[in-house]
Every structure is written in structure tokens, then in C-alpha cells.
N, C-alpha and C. Protein backbone atom coordinates (compact mmCIF):
# COMPACT_ATOMS: atom_id res chain seq x y z
N MET A 1 99.61 146.83 77.40
CA MET A 1 100.46 145.65 77.46
C MET A 1 100.27 144.82 76.19
N ASN A 2 101.37 144.33 75.67
CA ASN A 2 101.34 143.53 74.44
C ASN A 2 101.22 142.05 74.74
N LEU A 3 100.53 141.34 73.87
CA LEU A 3 100.32 139.89 73.99
C LEU A 3 100.72 139.22 72.69
N LEU A 4 101.72 138.35 72.75
CA LEU A 4 102.08 137.52 71.60
C LEU A 4 100.99 136.46 71.46
N ILE A 5 100.44 136.30 70.26
CA ILE A 5 99.34 135.36 70.07
C ILE A 5 99.51 134.60 68.76
N SER A 6 99.22 133.32 68.81
CA SER A 6 99.28 132.51 67.59
C SER A 6 98.34 133.11 66.55
N GLY A 7 98.88 133.38 65.36
CA GLY A 7 98.09 134.01 64.31
C GLY A 7 96.84 133.23 63.94
N CYS A 8 96.91 131.90 63.99
CA CYS A 8 95.74 131.09 63.63
C CYS A 8 94.57 131.34 64.57
N LEU A 9 94.86 131.74 65.82
CA LEU A 9 93.79 132.01 66.79
C LEU A 9 93.06 133.32 66.47
N LEU A 10 93.68 134.15 65.64
CA LEU A 10 93.05 135.41 65.22
C LEU A 10 92.39 135.29 63.86
N GLY A 11 92.45 134.11 63.26
CA GLY A 11 91.81 133.91 61.96
C GLY A 11 92.76 133.99 60.78
N LEU A 12 94.06 134.07 61.03
CA LEU A 12 95.03 134.05 59.93
C LEU A 12 95.19 132.62 59.43
N CYS A 13 95.23 132.44 58.14
CA CYS A 13 95.33 131.09 57.54
C CYS A 13 96.79 130.66 57.51
N CYS A 14 97.31 130.30 58.66
CA CYS A 14 98.73 129.95 58.76
C CYS A 14 98.96 128.55 59.31
N ARG A 15 97.90 127.83 59.61
CA ARG A 15 98.07 126.45 60.10
C ARG A 15 98.66 125.56 59.01
N TYR A 16 99.12 124.39 59.40
CA TYR A 16 99.73 123.46 58.44
C TYR A 16 98.80 123.15 57.27
N ASP A 17 97.50 123.12 57.53
CA ASP A 17 96.53 122.77 56.48
C ASP A 17 96.03 123.98 55.71
N GLY A 18 96.62 125.15 55.97
CA GLY A 18 96.23 126.36 55.27
C GLY A 18 94.96 127.00 55.80
N LYS A 19 94.49 126.51 56.93
CA LYS A 19 93.26 127.04 57.52
C LYS A 19 93.59 127.82 58.78
N GLU A 20 92.56 128.45 59.32
CA GLU A 20 92.69 129.16 60.57
C GLU A 20 91.95 128.38 61.65
N LYS A 21 92.15 128.76 62.89
CA LYS A 21 91.45 128.15 64.02
C LYS A 21 91.07 129.28 64.96
N PRO A 22 90.21 130.21 64.47
CA PRO A 22 89.99 131.44 65.23
C PRO A 22 89.23 131.23 66.53
N LEU A 23 89.61 132.04 67.50
CA LEU A 23 88.84 132.12 68.73
C LEU A 23 87.48 132.74 68.41
N PRO A 24 86.48 132.52 69.25
CA PRO A 24 85.21 133.23 69.06
C PRO A 24 85.45 134.75 69.10
N LEU A 25 84.72 135.47 68.27
CA LEU A 25 84.90 136.92 68.16
C LEU A 25 84.80 137.60 69.53
N GLU A 26 83.92 137.13 70.38
CA GLU A 26 83.76 137.72 71.71
C GLU A 26 85.06 137.62 72.51
N GLN A 27 85.75 136.49 72.40
CA GLN A 27 87.02 136.33 73.12
C GLN A 27 88.10 137.22 72.51
N ILE A 28 88.13 137.33 71.20
CA ILE A 28 89.11 138.22 70.57
C ILE A 28 88.89 139.65 71.03
N ARG A 29 87.65 140.09 71.06
CA ARG A 29 87.35 141.46 71.51
C ARG A 29 87.74 141.65 72.97
N GLN A 30 87.50 140.62 73.79
CA GLN A 30 87.88 140.70 75.20
C GLN A 30 89.40 140.85 75.33
N LEU A 31 90.13 140.09 74.55
CA LEU A 31 91.59 140.21 74.57
C LEU A 31 92.04 141.58 74.07
N GLN A 32 91.41 142.06 73.00
CA GLN A 32 91.77 143.37 72.44
C GLN A 32 91.51 144.50 73.43
N SER A 33 90.55 144.31 74.32
CA SER A 33 90.26 145.36 75.30
C SER A 33 91.31 145.42 76.41
N ARG A 34 92.11 144.36 76.54
CA ARG A 34 93.11 144.28 77.61
C ARG A 34 94.55 144.29 77.12
N PHE A 35 94.75 143.97 75.83
CA PHE A 35 96.10 143.83 75.28
C PHE A 35 96.18 144.42 73.88
N HIS A 36 97.38 144.75 73.47
CA HIS A 36 97.70 144.95 72.05
C HIS A 36 98.13 143.58 71.55
N LEU A 37 97.43 143.05 70.56
CA LEU A 37 97.69 141.69 70.09
C LEU A 37 98.78 141.69 69.02
N ILE A 38 99.79 140.85 69.23
CA ILE A 38 100.93 140.72 68.32
C ILE A 38 100.87 139.32 67.72
N PRO A 39 100.32 139.17 66.49
CA PRO A 39 100.19 137.83 65.91
C PRO A 39 101.53 137.27 65.46
N VAL A 40 101.68 135.97 65.63
CA VAL A 40 102.92 135.29 65.26
C VAL A 40 102.59 133.87 64.80
N CYS A 41 103.33 133.39 63.81
CA CYS A 41 103.28 131.98 63.43
C CYS A 41 104.73 131.51 63.35
N PRO A 42 105.22 130.86 64.41
CA PRO A 42 106.62 130.42 64.41
C PRO A 42 106.97 129.52 63.23
N GLU A 43 106.03 128.71 62.78
CA GLU A 43 106.33 127.80 61.67
C GLU A 43 106.60 128.58 60.39
N GLN A 44 105.80 129.60 60.12
CA GLN A 44 106.06 130.44 58.95
C GLN A 44 107.33 131.26 59.15
N LEU A 45 107.55 131.77 60.36
CA LEU A 45 108.77 132.54 60.62
C LEU A 45 110.02 131.69 60.45
N GLY A 46 109.88 130.38 60.61
CA GLY A 46 111.00 129.47 60.41
C GLY A 46 111.22 129.09 58.96
N GLY A 47 110.36 129.59 58.07
CA GLY A 47 110.54 129.35 56.64
C GLY A 47 109.67 128.27 56.04
N LEU A 48 108.76 127.69 56.84
CA LEU A 48 107.88 126.65 56.29
C LEU A 48 106.74 127.28 55.50
N THR A 49 106.30 126.58 54.49
CA THR A 49 105.22 127.08 53.64
C THR A 49 103.87 126.76 54.26
N THR A 50 102.86 127.40 53.74
CA THR A 50 101.47 127.11 54.11
C THR A 50 100.71 126.92 52.82
N PRO A 51 100.03 125.77 52.65
CA PRO A 51 100.01 124.63 53.58
C PRO A 51 101.33 123.87 53.56
N ARG A 52 101.45 122.95 54.54
CA ARG A 52 102.64 122.11 54.69
C ARG A 52 102.21 120.79 55.31
N PRO A 53 103.02 119.75 55.18
CA PRO A 53 102.66 118.49 55.83
C PRO A 53 102.58 118.67 57.35
N PRO A 54 101.66 117.99 58.01
CA PRO A 54 101.63 118.08 59.47
C PRO A 54 102.95 117.58 60.05
N ALA A 55 103.30 118.11 61.20
CA ALA A 55 104.54 117.71 61.88
C ALA A 55 104.24 117.48 63.35
N GLU A 56 105.06 116.65 63.97
CA GLU A 56 104.94 116.39 65.40
C GLU A 56 106.32 116.29 66.00
N ARG A 57 106.39 116.62 67.29
CA ARG A 57 107.66 116.64 68.02
C ARG A 57 107.83 115.32 68.77
N ARG A 58 109.03 114.76 68.65
CA ARG A 58 109.32 113.51 69.35
C ARG A 58 110.82 113.42 69.60
N ALA A 59 111.16 113.14 70.84
CA ALA A 59 112.57 112.96 71.24
C ALA A 59 113.45 114.13 70.79
N GLY A 60 112.94 115.34 70.98
CA GLY A 60 113.73 116.53 70.67
C GLY A 60 113.80 116.91 69.20
N ARG A 61 113.19 116.16 68.32
CA ARG A 61 113.16 116.45 66.89
C ARG A 61 111.73 116.79 66.48
N VAL A 62 111.58 117.47 65.36
CA VAL A 62 110.26 117.71 64.77
C VAL A 62 110.27 117.07 63.39
N MET A 63 109.39 116.12 63.21
CA MET A 63 109.33 115.36 61.95
C MET A 63 107.99 115.62 61.27
N ALA A 64 108.03 115.88 59.97
CA ALA A 64 106.81 116.02 59.18
C ALA A 64 106.28 114.63 58.86
N SER A 65 105.01 114.56 58.55
CA SER A 65 104.37 113.27 58.26
C SER A 65 104.96 112.59 57.04
N ASP A 66 105.64 113.35 56.18
CA ASP A 66 106.27 112.76 55.00
C ASP A 66 107.70 112.28 55.29
N GLY A 67 108.10 112.32 56.57
CA GLY A 67 109.41 111.81 56.97
C GLY A 67 110.53 112.83 56.97
N ILE A 68 110.26 114.05 56.56
CA ILE A 68 111.30 115.08 56.51
C ILE A 68 111.49 115.69 57.90
N ASP A 69 112.74 115.83 58.31
CA ASP A 69 113.10 116.44 59.59
C ASP A 69 113.04 117.96 59.42
N VAL A 70 112.12 118.61 60.14
CA VAL A 70 111.94 120.06 60.04
C VAL A 70 112.35 120.75 61.35
N THR A 71 113.18 120.07 62.13
CA THR A 71 113.61 120.62 63.42
C THR A 71 114.26 121.98 63.26
N MET A 72 115.15 122.14 62.27
CA MET A 72 115.84 123.42 62.10
C MET A 72 114.86 124.56 61.84
N GLN A 73 113.85 124.32 61.01
CA GLN A 73 112.86 125.37 60.71
C GLN A 73 112.06 125.72 61.97
N TYR A 74 111.72 124.72 62.76
CA TYR A 74 110.98 124.97 63.99
C TYR A 74 111.82 125.74 65.00
N GLN A 75 113.10 125.41 65.10
CA GLN A 75 113.99 126.14 66.01
C GLN A 75 114.16 127.58 65.55
N LYS A 76 114.34 127.79 64.24
CA LYS A 76 114.46 129.16 63.71
C LYS A 76 113.19 129.95 63.99
N GLY A 77 112.03 129.33 63.78
CA GLY A 77 110.77 130.00 64.06
C GLY A 77 110.61 130.36 65.52
N ALA A 78 111.07 129.47 66.40
CA ALA A 78 111.02 129.75 67.84
C ALA A 78 111.90 130.96 68.17
N GLU A 79 113.08 131.00 67.59
CA GLU A 79 113.98 132.13 67.82
C GLU A 79 113.38 133.44 67.31
N GLU A 80 112.73 133.39 66.16
CA GLU A 80 112.10 134.60 65.61
C GLU A 80 110.91 135.04 66.48
N ALA A 81 110.14 134.07 66.99
CA ALA A 81 109.03 134.40 67.88
C ALA A 81 109.55 135.06 69.16
N LEU A 82 110.67 134.56 69.67
CA LEU A 82 111.27 135.17 70.86
C LEU A 82 111.73 136.60 70.54
N LYS A 83 112.33 136.81 69.37
CA LYS A 83 112.72 138.17 68.97
C LYS A 83 111.51 139.10 68.99
N MET A 84 110.39 138.62 68.45
CA MET A 84 109.19 139.45 68.42
C MET A 84 108.69 139.73 69.84
N ALA A 85 108.69 138.71 70.69
CA ALA A 85 108.25 138.91 72.07
C ALA A 85 109.11 139.97 72.76
N ARG A 86 110.40 139.91 72.51
CA ARG A 86 111.30 140.90 73.12
C ARG A 86 111.11 142.28 72.50
N LEU A 87 110.99 142.33 71.18
CA LEU A 87 110.81 143.60 70.48
C LEU A 87 109.58 144.34 70.99
N PHE A 88 108.50 143.59 71.24
CA PHE A 88 107.25 144.19 71.68
C PHE A 88 107.03 144.09 73.19
N SER A 89 108.06 143.69 73.93
CA SER A 89 108.00 143.61 75.41
C SER A 89 106.79 142.82 75.89
N CYS A 90 106.61 141.64 75.34
CA CYS A 90 105.48 140.78 75.72
C CYS A 90 105.83 139.98 76.98
N ASP A 91 105.01 140.11 78.00
CA ASP A 91 105.16 139.29 79.21
C ASP A 91 104.41 137.97 79.08
N PHE A 92 103.39 137.96 78.21
CA PHE A 92 102.52 136.80 78.05
C PHE A 92 102.43 136.39 76.59
N ALA A 93 102.13 135.11 76.39
CA ALA A 93 101.84 134.60 75.04
C ALA A 93 100.62 133.69 75.13
N LEU A 94 99.71 133.84 74.18
CA LEU A 94 98.54 132.97 74.04
C LEU A 94 98.76 132.15 72.78
N LEU A 95 99.02 130.85 72.98
CA LEU A 95 99.46 130.00 71.88
C LEU A 95 98.50 128.84 71.64
N LYS A 96 98.53 128.33 70.41
CA LYS A 96 97.66 127.23 69.98
C LYS A 96 98.05 125.94 70.68
N GLU A 97 97.12 125.39 71.39
CA GLU A 97 97.36 124.16 72.14
C GLU A 97 97.65 122.99 71.21
N ARG A 98 98.49 122.10 71.68
CA ARG A 98 98.85 120.82 71.04
C ARG A 98 99.77 120.98 69.82
N SER A 99 100.07 122.17 69.40
CA SER A 99 100.91 122.43 68.23
C SER A 99 102.36 122.03 68.50
N PRO A 100 103.08 121.52 67.48
CA PRO A 100 104.49 121.19 67.67
C PRO A 100 105.38 122.42 67.87
N SER A 101 104.85 123.60 67.57
CA SER A 101 105.61 124.81 67.86
C SER A 101 105.01 125.57 69.04
N CYS A 102 103.70 125.66 69.12
CA CYS A 102 103.05 126.51 70.12
C CYS A 102 102.47 125.78 71.32
N GLY A 103 102.30 124.47 71.24
CA GLY A 103 101.69 123.73 72.34
C GLY A 103 102.49 123.87 73.63
N PHE A 104 101.79 123.90 74.76
CA PHE A 104 102.45 124.05 76.06
C PHE A 104 101.78 123.11 77.06
N GLY A 105 102.55 122.16 77.55
CA GLY A 105 102.03 121.21 78.53
C GLY A 105 101.64 119.88 77.92
N ARG A 106 100.92 119.92 76.79
CA ARG A 106 100.48 118.71 76.10
C ARG A 106 100.62 118.93 74.60
N ILE A 107 101.30 118.00 73.94
CA ILE A 107 101.45 118.06 72.49
C ILE A 107 101.22 116.67 71.92
N TYR A 108 101.06 116.59 70.61
CA TYR A 108 100.94 115.28 69.97
C TYR A 108 102.26 114.54 70.12
N ASP A 109 102.17 113.21 70.27
CA ASP A 109 103.31 112.39 70.70
C ASP A 109 104.31 112.01 69.61
N GLY A 110 104.10 112.42 68.39
CA GLY A 110 105.05 112.12 67.33
C GLY A 110 104.71 110.88 66.52
N SER A 111 103.60 110.23 66.85
CA SER A 111 103.21 109.01 66.14
C SER A 111 102.18 109.27 65.05
N PHE A 112 101.71 110.51 64.95
CA PHE A 112 100.68 110.91 63.99
C PHE A 112 99.40 110.07 64.16
N SER A 113 99.11 109.73 65.42
CA SER A 113 97.91 108.96 65.73
C SER A 113 96.95 109.74 66.63
N LYS A 114 97.17 111.06 66.76
CA LYS A 114 96.36 111.97 67.56
C LYS A 114 96.47 111.70 69.06
N ASN A 115 97.50 110.95 69.48
CA ASN A 115 97.76 110.72 70.90
C ASN A 115 98.53 111.90 71.46
N LEU A 116 98.16 112.31 72.67
CA LEU A 116 98.83 113.42 73.33
C LEU A 116 99.81 112.90 74.37
N THR A 117 100.84 113.69 74.62
CA THR A 117 101.84 113.38 75.64
C THR A 117 102.24 114.68 76.32
N ASP A 118 102.84 114.57 77.49
CA ASP A 118 103.36 115.75 78.15
C ASP A 118 104.51 116.32 77.33
N GLY A 119 104.53 117.63 77.20
CA GLY A 119 105.62 118.27 76.46
C GLY A 119 105.20 119.62 75.94
N ASN A 120 106.16 120.31 75.37
CA ASN A 120 105.94 121.64 74.82
C ASN A 120 106.41 121.70 73.38
N GLY A 121 105.80 122.59 72.62
CA GLY A 121 106.28 122.87 71.28
C GLY A 121 107.57 123.68 71.35
N THR A 122 108.26 123.76 70.24
CA THR A 122 109.58 124.41 70.23
C THR A 122 109.51 125.90 70.60
N ALA A 123 108.55 126.61 70.06
CA ALA A 123 108.44 128.05 70.37
C ALA A 123 107.97 128.25 71.81
N ALA A 124 106.99 127.48 72.24
CA ALA A 124 106.51 127.59 73.61
C ALA A 124 107.63 127.32 74.60
N ASP A 125 108.45 126.32 74.31
CA ASP A 125 109.59 125.99 75.16
C ASP A 125 110.55 127.18 75.27
N LEU A 126 110.95 127.72 74.14
CA LEU A 126 111.92 128.81 74.14
C LEU A 126 111.36 130.07 74.81
N LEU A 127 110.12 130.39 74.51
CA LEU A 127 109.51 131.56 75.13
C LEU A 127 109.44 131.40 76.64
N SER A 128 109.00 130.23 77.09
CA SER A 128 108.90 129.97 78.52
C SER A 128 110.27 130.04 79.21
N GLN A 129 111.28 129.47 78.58
CA GLN A 129 112.64 129.50 79.13
C GLN A 129 113.17 130.93 79.26
N ASN A 130 112.58 131.84 78.52
CA ASN A 130 113.01 133.24 78.54
C ASN A 130 112.03 134.14 79.29
N GLY A 131 111.22 133.54 80.16
CA GLY A 131 110.39 134.32 81.07
C GLY A 131 109.04 134.75 80.56
N ILE A 132 108.65 134.32 79.37
CA ILE A 132 107.32 134.65 78.85
C ILE A 132 106.33 133.65 79.43
N ARG A 133 105.26 134.12 80.02
CA ARG A 133 104.23 133.22 80.57
C ARG A 133 103.33 132.75 79.43
N ILE A 134 103.20 131.44 79.30
CA ILE A 134 102.47 130.83 78.20
C ILE A 134 101.09 130.39 78.65
N PHE A 135 100.10 130.68 77.82
CA PHE A 135 98.72 130.23 78.03
C PHE A 135 98.22 129.63 76.73
N GLY A 136 97.40 128.59 76.84
CA GLY A 136 96.72 128.02 75.68
C GLY A 136 95.36 128.66 75.53
N GLU A 137 94.71 128.41 74.39
CA GLU A 137 93.42 129.06 74.13
C GLU A 137 92.33 128.66 75.11
N SER A 138 92.49 127.54 75.81
CA SER A 138 91.49 127.14 76.82
C SER A 138 91.75 127.84 78.16
N GLN A 139 92.79 128.67 78.23
CA GLN A 139 93.18 129.31 79.48
C GLN A 139 93.05 130.83 79.43
N ILE A 140 92.15 131.33 78.61
CA ILE A 140 92.02 132.78 78.47
C ILE A 140 91.64 133.45 79.78
N GLU A 141 90.77 132.83 80.56
CA GLU A 141 90.38 133.42 81.84
C GLU A 141 91.59 133.51 82.78
N MET A 142 92.44 132.49 82.78
CA MET A 142 93.66 132.54 83.59
C MET A 142 94.59 133.65 83.11
N LEU A 143 94.68 133.83 81.81
CA LEU A 143 95.50 134.90 81.24
C LEU A 143 94.99 136.26 81.70
N LEU A 144 93.69 136.47 81.60
CA LEU A 144 93.11 137.75 82.01
C LEU A 144 93.30 137.99 83.50
N SER A 145 93.18 136.93 84.29
CA SER A 145 93.40 137.04 85.73
C SER A 145 94.85 137.42 86.03
N SER A 146 95.78 136.83 85.31
CA SER A 146 97.20 137.17 85.49
C SER A 146 97.46 138.62 85.11
N ARG A 147 96.80 139.07 84.07
CA ARG A 147 96.93 140.48 83.64
C ARG A 147 96.42 141.40 84.73
N ASN A 148 95.27 141.04 85.32
CA ASN A 148 94.70 141.85 86.41
C ASN A 148 95.64 141.90 87.60
N GLN A 149 96.26 140.78 87.94
CA GLN A 149 97.19 140.74 89.07
C GLN A 149 98.39 141.64 88.82
N MET A 150 98.87 141.68 87.58
CA MET A 150 100.01 142.56 87.26
C MET A 150 99.62 144.02 87.42
N GLU A 151 98.38 144.35 87.05
CA GLU A 151 97.93 145.74 87.15
C GLU A 151 97.83 146.19 88.60
N GLN A 152 97.52 145.25 89.49
CA GLN A 152 97.33 145.60 90.90
C GLN A 152 98.64 145.78 91.65
N LYS A 153 99.75 145.35 91.05
CA LYS A 153 101.06 145.48 91.73
C LYS A 153 101.63 146.85 91.56
């Protein structure tokens, strides 16, 4: 079974600041033992550079900290991530929490003050609307449990 996963969680330097945010190696190995990992960075797929100014989602738009509206790039990246999920028949996605593209359930509120609000990133929203089950990096055990339940059916 294939798993769409935020590239930064695998150690790819694709975050806005040009850094990675890798999971512990033990967790990566655990995931590799249960899934074929398909890395994705919706922001790069949407045409944004790395590094890039931080961005946050607010009122349906995605704004960079320098005031530039990057909503179109985020939407394009979400569409490309969905194409990849479909191409590789991914039922699940493990995405970077709080991200304006990958966050699911809680994201930064758009004020650039590190405040969180209920909401989803653009890619997480589109993937979820198309039947992909989304998990954040703090939910790996839930992801593995869901995988086990699918195997038992």
C-alpha cells in the first residue's frame, strides 16, 4: 500500500525556510515496513521556491509574510498532490501538521503570530475531499492502526 507523505517529514529540504523536519528514523523505518512512501511537497509542486517567505491561510486565501497572495500556487500544488495520490492509489496521507498546505484540523491563523485555529491546509483539504484519509505526524499510531484494520477486511 502506498502512503503520500510530506517530503519534509522524510528529511527533504523543502520547507519554507529551506530546512527539513524529519521524523525520527525509527518512525520512518516503521512506516517503510508497512507502506511504500510517496514524498510530496505541494508548495513546490505549485511552483514556489525553496526557501520562500512563510505563508499562512486566512479566510480562504494564502498570504505570504511579505504580503504577496500565493493562493493560486497553493491551489495548484494541492491539485498536483491529488494527482500523485491518484496516480499511486494512496488511501492515506501523512502530512506536516500546522502547514498552510498540509495541516489538517489545526493551522496557523493567518496573523503570523504563531496562533493556531481550526482549519486545514489547501492540499489537506483537497485530498480529504477526495477520500484520502489524512494523518498528521503526531498520529502515526492511528495511521498504522487504520492500515491494520484495512488489512483485516
